[in-house]
Amino acid sequence: MSATVTNVDGHDVGKLGYEAYASSTGGKTFDGRDMPTWEDLPERIQRAWYAAASAIIMIPTLSLRDRAGP
């Protein structure tokens, strides 16, 4: 994927994904440590969350393209 999506309909998709993860884990990392707030994450980690969200957002587009055929 070449483009990274950061905002959809006014929602910050990276932050939304990160906060959903935090909510589902009780605010803990995979190894039990407290998760930092979005604002305290290093920029490279925020970019990684944007990349992950972008990949998920593209699933319907990719599915439609695959079904369209050549």
C-alpha atoms as a PDB file:
ATOM      1  CA  MET A   1       0.000   0.000   0.000  1.00  0.00           C
ATOM      2  CA  SER A   2       1.402   3.364  -0.946  1.00  0.00           C
ATOM      3  CA  ALA A   3      -0.800   5.847   0.924  1.00  0.00           C
ATOM      4  CA  THR A   4      -1.276   6.165   4.646  1.00  0.00           C
ATOM      5  CA  VAL A   5      -4.673   7.349   5.816  1.00  0.00           C
ATOM      6  CA  THR A   6      -4.692   9.562   8.908  1.00  0.00           C
ATOM      7  CA  ASN A   7      -8.234  10.890   8.976  1.00  0.00           C
ATOM      8  CA  VAL A   8     -11.622   9.503   7.917  1.00  0.00           C
ATOM      9  CA  ASP A   9     -14.762  11.583   8.388  1.00  0.00           C
ATOM     10  CA  GLY A  10     -13.014  13.694  11.015  1.00  0.00           C
ATOM     11  CA  HIS A  11     -11.712  10.708  12.982  1.00  0.00           C
ATOM     12  CA  ASP A  12      -7.995  10.307  13.640  1.00  0.00           C
ATOM     13  CA  VAL A  13      -7.730   6.645  12.591  1.00  0.00           C
ATOM     14  CA  GLY A  14      -4.376   5.865  14.190  1.00  0.00           C
ATOM     15  CA  LYS A  15      -5.426   7.298  17.527  1.00  0.00           C
ATOM     16  CA  LEU A  16      -8.814   5.602  17.286  1.00  0.00           C
ATOM     17  CA  GLY A  17      -7.164   2.211  16.732  1.00  0.00           C
ATOM     18  CA  TYR A  18      -4.657   2.767  19.526  1.00  0.00           C
ATOM     19  CA  GLU A  19      -7.354   3.786  21.976  1.00  0.00           C
ATOM     20  CA  ALA A  20      -9.515   0.798  21.002  1.00  0.00           C
ATOM     21  CA  TYR A  21      -6.542  -1.477  21.670  1.00  0.00           C
ATOM     22  CA  ALA A  22      -5.969   0.231  25.028  1.00  0.00           C
ATOM     23  CA  SER A  23      -9.620  -0.163  25.953  1.00  0.00           C
ATOM     24  CA  SER A  24      -9.608  -3.856  25.076  1.00  0.00           C
ATOM     25  CA  THR A  25      -6.487  -4.561  27.155  1.00  0.00           C
ATOM     26  CA  GLY A  26      -7.317  -2.450  30.188  1.00  0.00           C
ATOM     27  CA  GLY A  27      -4.650   0.057  29.143  1.00  0.00           C
ATOM     28  CA  LYS A  28      -1.867  -2.521  29.276  1.00  0.00           C
ATOM     29  CA  THR A  29       0.781  -3.471  26.733  1.00  0.00           C
ATOM     30  CA  PHE A  30       1.206  -7.077  25.610  1.00  0.00           C
ATOM     31  CA  ASP A  31       3.635  -7.602  28.494  1.00  0.00           C
ATOM     32  CA  GLY A  32       1.472  -6.015  31.190  1.00  0.00           C
ATOM     33  CA  ARG A  33       2.972  -2.529  31.355  1.00  0.00           C
ATOM     34  CA  ASP A  34       0.820   0.590  31.388  1.00  0.00           C
ATOM     35  CA  MET A  35       0.244   2.024  27.913  1.00  0.00           C
ATOM     36  CA  PRO A  36       1.278   5.640  27.388  1.00  0.00           C
ATOM     37  CA  THR A  37      -1.296   8.111  26.143  1.00  0.00           C
ATOM     38  CA  TRP A  38      -1.440   8.682  22.377  1.00  0.00           C
ATOM     39  CA  GLU A  39       0.184  12.079  22.857  1.00  0.00           C
ATOM     40  CA  ASP A  40       3.110  10.482  24.726  1.00  0.00           C
ATOM     41  CA  LEU A  41       3.832   7.915  21.995  1.00  0.00           C
ATOM     42  CA  PRO A  42       6.919   8.534  19.875  1.00  0.00           C
ATOM     43  CA  GLU A  43       6.066   9.782  16.383  1.00  0.00           C
ATOM     44  CA  ARG A  44       7.347   6.555  14.783  1.00  0.00           C
ATOM     45  CA  ILE A  45       4.860   4.524  16.845  1.00  0.00           C
ATOM     46  CA  GLN A  46       2.014   6.864  15.923  1.00  0.00           C
ATOM     47  CA  ARG A  47       2.991   6.420  12.246  1.00  0.00           C
ATOM     48  CA  ALA A  48       2.885   2.649  12.728  1.00  0.00           C
ATOM     49  CA  TRP A  49      -0.680   2.889  14.070  1.00  0.00           C
ATOM     50  CA  TYR A  50      -1.640   5.027  11.049  1.00  0.00           C
ATOM     51  CA  ALA A  51      -0.131   2.405   8.746  1.00  0.00           C
ATOM     52  CA  ALA A  52      -2.071  -0.386  10.477  1.00  0.00           C
ATOM     53  CA  ALA A  53      -5.335   1.564  10.329  1.00  0.00           C
ATOM     54  CA  SER A  54      -4.723   2.387   6.657  1.00  0.00           C
ATOM     55  CA  ALA A  55      -4.298  -1.276   5.817  1.00  0.00           C
ATOM     56  CA  ILE A  56      -7.573  -2.156   7.536  1.00  0.00           C
ATOM     57  CA  ILE A  57      -9.445   0.704   5.879  1.00  0.00           C
ATOM     58  CA  MET A  58      -8.274  -0.500   2.456  1.00  0.00           C
ATOM     59  CA  ILE A  59      -9.735  -4.021   2.848  1.00  0.00           C
ATOM     60  CA  PRO A  60     -13.139  -3.199   1.286  1.00  0.00           C
ATOM     61  CA  THR A  61     -11.462  -1.398  -1.631  1.00  0.00           C
ATOM     62  CA  LEU A  62      -9.092  -4.283  -2.267  1.00  0.00           C
ATOM     63  CA  SER A  63     -11.951  -6.795  -2.070  1.00  0.00           C
ATOM     64  CA  LEU A  64     -13.995  -4.889  -4.632  1.00  0.00           C
ATOM     65  CA  ARG A  65     -11.004  -4.594  -6.942  1.00  0.00           C
ATOM     66  CA  ASP A  66     -10.311  -8.345  -6.681  1.00  0.00           C
ATOM     67  CA  ARG A  67     -13.938  -9.131  -7.529  1.00  0.00           C
ATOM     68  CA  ALA A  68     -13.980  -6.836 -10.545  1.00  0.00           C
ATOM     69  CA  GLY A  69     -11.528  -9.057 -12.418  1.00  0.00           C
ATOM     70  CA  PRO A  70      -9.295  -7.971 -15.304  1.00  0.00           C
END
